[in-house]
Amino acid sequence: MSEFLTNLEFFKYSIACSVLVAMVCSFLSVYIVLKRIVFVSVAVTQVSSVGIAIALITGLNPTPISLFFTFLGVVLFSIRFSERRLSNESRIGIGFVVASAASILLVSKSAQGIHEIDDLLYGNILAATPVPDISYDRYYYVYLFHTIFFFTK
């Protein structure tokens, strides 16, 4: 424990990121459990991984491609169909399986090293750095907007 306290300067951004992620995930997890769509987080993660794999194959920047695929997955998973042949959880599960298979196939064809792919897919919390130009007020207003307009009983 004393080694951690002596290296606190090194860990301060990692701790701040961990607290922010914990706050956001706690809010989202209650919403996800109440709406009974518990598999949506894994499915969206796998769709994002497909975006990263496509970006690695094409040589593009993985961040915007991954965000595009993530938003595309969110839109596809949020569409409500009038026919109820498949439940929402079934559609999300099928999306998860298809995205998992596609990401595995695409990553295996990539010329990037496995360590670079692991860093992109899983991240490294110790590599957290300060972001000086971003105002966190914007994130609060987005959070407040979603809470007011989309969090209904």
Protein backbone atom coordinates (compact mmCIF):
# COMPACT_ATOMS: atom_id res chain seq x y z
CA MET A 1 0.00 0.00 0.00
CA SER A 2 2.86 2.37 0.75
CA GLU A 3 4.23 1.92 -2.79
CA PHE A 4 0.87 2.96 -4.20
CA LEU A 5 0.80 6.10 -2.06
CA THR A 6 4.34 7.06 -3.09
CA ASN A 7 3.40 6.69 -6.77
CA LEU A 8 0.07 8.51 -6.44
CA GLU A 9 1.19 11.20 -8.89
CA PHE A 10 1.48 8.52 -11.58
CA PHE A 11 -1.95 7.06 -10.83
CA LYS A 12 -3.99 10.26 -10.41
CA TYR A 13 -5.42 10.32 -13.95
CA SER A 14 -6.14 6.61 -13.82
CA ILE A 15 -8.05 7.03 -10.59
CA ALA A 16 -10.00 10.00 -12.00
CA CYS A 17 -10.91 8.00 -15.13
CA SER A 18 -11.98 5.04 -13.01
CA VAL A 19 -14.28 7.21 -10.89
CA LEU A 20 -15.86 8.82 -13.97
CA VAL A 21 -16.42 5.45 -15.63
CA ALA A 22 -17.94 4.07 -12.42
CA MET A 23 -20.38 6.98 -12.21
CA VAL A 24 -21.51 6.68 -15.82
CA CYS A 25 -21.76 2.88 -15.72
CA SER A 26 -23.80 2.89 -12.52
CA PHE A 27 -26.37 5.19 -14.12
CA LEU A 28 -26.50 3.22 -17.36
CA SER A 29 -26.67 -0.16 -15.66
CA VAL A 30 -29.84 0.75 -13.77
CA TYR A 31 -31.42 1.92 -17.02
CA ILE A 32 -30.36 -1.22 -18.88
CA VAL A 33 -31.67 -3.56 -16.19
CA LEU A 34 -34.98 -1.70 -15.94
CA LYS A 35 -35.48 -1.85 -19.71
CA ARG A 36 -34.53 -5.56 -19.73
CA ILE A 37 -31.86 -5.21 -22.40
CA VAL A 38 -28.89 -6.61 -20.48
CA PHE A 39 -27.03 -7.98 -23.49
CA VAL A 40 -26.90 -4.63 -25.29
CA SER A 41 -23.56 -3.61 -23.74
CA VAL A 42 -21.75 -6.72 -25.01
CA ALA A 43 -23.36 -6.45 -28.43
CA VAL A 44 -22.42 -2.79 -28.83
CA THR A 45 -18.88 -3.59 -27.69
CA GLN A 46 -18.57 -6.29 -30.34
CA VAL A 47 -19.95 -3.99 -33.04
CA SER A 48 -17.32 -1.44 -31.98
CA SER A 49 -14.65 -4.14 -32.28
CA VAL A 50 -15.77 -4.76 -35.86
CA GLY A 51 -15.21 -1.06 -36.55
CA ILE A 52 -11.71 -1.26 -35.06
CA ALA A 53 -10.90 -4.35 -37.12
CA ILE A 54 -12.09 -2.69 -40.34
CA ALA A 55 -10.03 0.40 -39.54
CA LEU A 56 -6.92 -1.72 -38.95
CA ILE A 57 -7.36 -3.54 -42.25
CA THR A 58 -7.95 -0.34 -44.23
CA GLY A 59 -5.26 1.66 -42.40
CA LEU A 60 -7.66 4.35 -41.21
CA ASN A 61 -7.89 5.93 -37.76
CA PRO A 62 -9.72 3.39 -35.55
CA THR A 63 -11.50 5.92 -33.32
CA PRO A 64 -13.95 7.50 -35.80
CA ILE A 65 -14.58 4.21 -37.59
CA SER A 66 -15.29 2.49 -34.27
CA LEU A 67 -17.60 5.31 -33.18
CA PHE A 68 -19.48 5.12 -36.47
CA PHE A 69 -20.02 1.37 -36.07
CA THR A 70 -21.00 1.84 -32.43
CA PHE A 71 -23.66 4.41 -33.30
CA LEU A 72 -24.85 2.24 -36.18
CA GLY A 73 -25.21 -0.70 -33.78
CA VAL A 74 -27.08 1.42 -31.26
CA VAL A 75 -29.50 2.60 -33.95
CA LEU A 76 -30.07 -0.94 -35.22
CA PHE A 77 -30.59 -2.33 -31.72
CA SER A 78 -33.01 0.46 -30.78
CA ILE A 79 -35.38 -0.02 -33.72
CA ARG A 80 -38.68 -1.48 -32.56
CA PHE A 81 -40.44 -3.73 -35.03
CA SER A 82 -44.21 -4.13 -34.99
CA GLU A 83 -43.95 -7.87 -35.57
CA ARG A 84 -42.83 -9.68 -32.45
CA ARG A 85 -41.32 -12.81 -33.97
CA LEU A 86 -38.08 -12.17 -32.11
CA SER A 87 -37.73 -10.46 -28.76
CA ASN A 88 -35.39 -7.52 -28.35
CA GLU A 89 -32.95 -9.70 -26.41
CA SER A 90 -32.93 -12.25 -29.24
CA ARG A 91 -32.11 -9.58 -31.83
CA ILE A 92 -29.37 -8.20 -29.61
CA GLY A 93 -27.98 -11.72 -29.07
CA ILE A 94 -27.93 -12.39 -32.81
CA GLY A 95 -26.17 -9.07 -33.34
CA PHE A 96 -23.60 -10.03 -30.71
CA VAL A 97 -22.86 -13.38 -32.31
CA VAL A 98 -22.57 -11.93 -35.82
CA ALA A 99 -20.37 -9.05 -34.65
CA SER A 100 -18.16 -11.42 -32.63
CA ALA A 101 -17.62 -13.67 -35.61
CA ALA A 102 -16.94 -10.73 -37.92
CA SER A 103 -14.45 -9.12 -35.54
CA ILE A 104 -12.55 -12.40 -35.07
CA LEU A 105 -12.35 -12.97 -38.82
CA LEU A 106 -11.31 -9.39 -39.57
CA VAL A 107 -8.69 -9.17 -36.80
CA SER A 108 -7.14 -12.43 -38.01
CA LYS A 109 -6.67 -10.83 -41.45
CA SER A 110 -5.07 -7.68 -40.02
CA ALA A 111 -1.35 -7.05 -40.41
CA GLN A 112 -1.12 -5.20 -37.08
CA GLY A 113 0.63 -6.75 -34.12
CA ILE A 114 -1.44 -8.47 -31.47
CA HIS A 115 -0.28 -5.99 -28.82
CA GLU A 116 -1.58 -3.01 -30.81
CA ILE A 117 -4.90 -4.74 -31.32
CA ASP A 118 -5.13 -5.58 -27.59
CA ASP A 119 -4.41 -1.95 -26.67
CA LEU A 120 -7.17 -0.74 -28.97
CA LEU A 121 -9.74 -3.35 -27.95
CA TYR A 122 -9.07 -3.54 -24.21
CA GLY A 123 -7.24 -0.30 -23.44
CA ASN A 124 -4.79 0.52 -20.72
CA ILE A 125 -6.05 2.52 -17.77
CA LEU A 126 -2.52 3.46 -16.74
CA ALA A 127 -2.08 5.32 -20.03
CA ALA A 128 -4.77 7.87 -19.07
CA THR A 129 -3.66 11.43 -19.68
CA PRO A 130 -5.20 14.79 -18.86
CA VAL A 131 -7.45 16.35 -21.48
CA PRO A 132 -6.95 20.10 -20.94
CA ASP A 133 -9.18 21.59 -23.65
CA ILE A 134 -12.40 19.67 -23.01
CA SER A 135 -14.96 21.28 -20.78
CA TYR A 136 -16.70 18.68 -18.64
CA ASP A 137 -19.76 20.93 -18.52
CA ARG A 138 -20.76 19.60 -21.95
CA TYR A 139 -20.84 16.05 -20.63
CA TYR A 140 -22.98 17.13 -17.71
CA TYR A 141 -25.49 18.80 -20.02
CA VAL A 142 -25.67 15.73 -22.26
CA TYR A 143 -26.22 13.58 -19.17
CA LEU A 144 -28.89 15.96 -17.89
CA PHE A 145 -30.64 16.06 -21.28
CA HIS A 146 -30.80 12.26 -21.47
CA THR A 147 -31.98 11.99 -17.88
CA ILE A 148 -34.81 14.45 -18.39
CA PHE A 149 -36.05 13.35 -21.81
CA PHE A 150 -35.28 9.65 -22.06
CA PHE A 151 -35.48 8.33 -18.51
CA THR A 152 -39.19 7.61 -18.15
CA LYS A 153 -40.93 5.10 -15.96
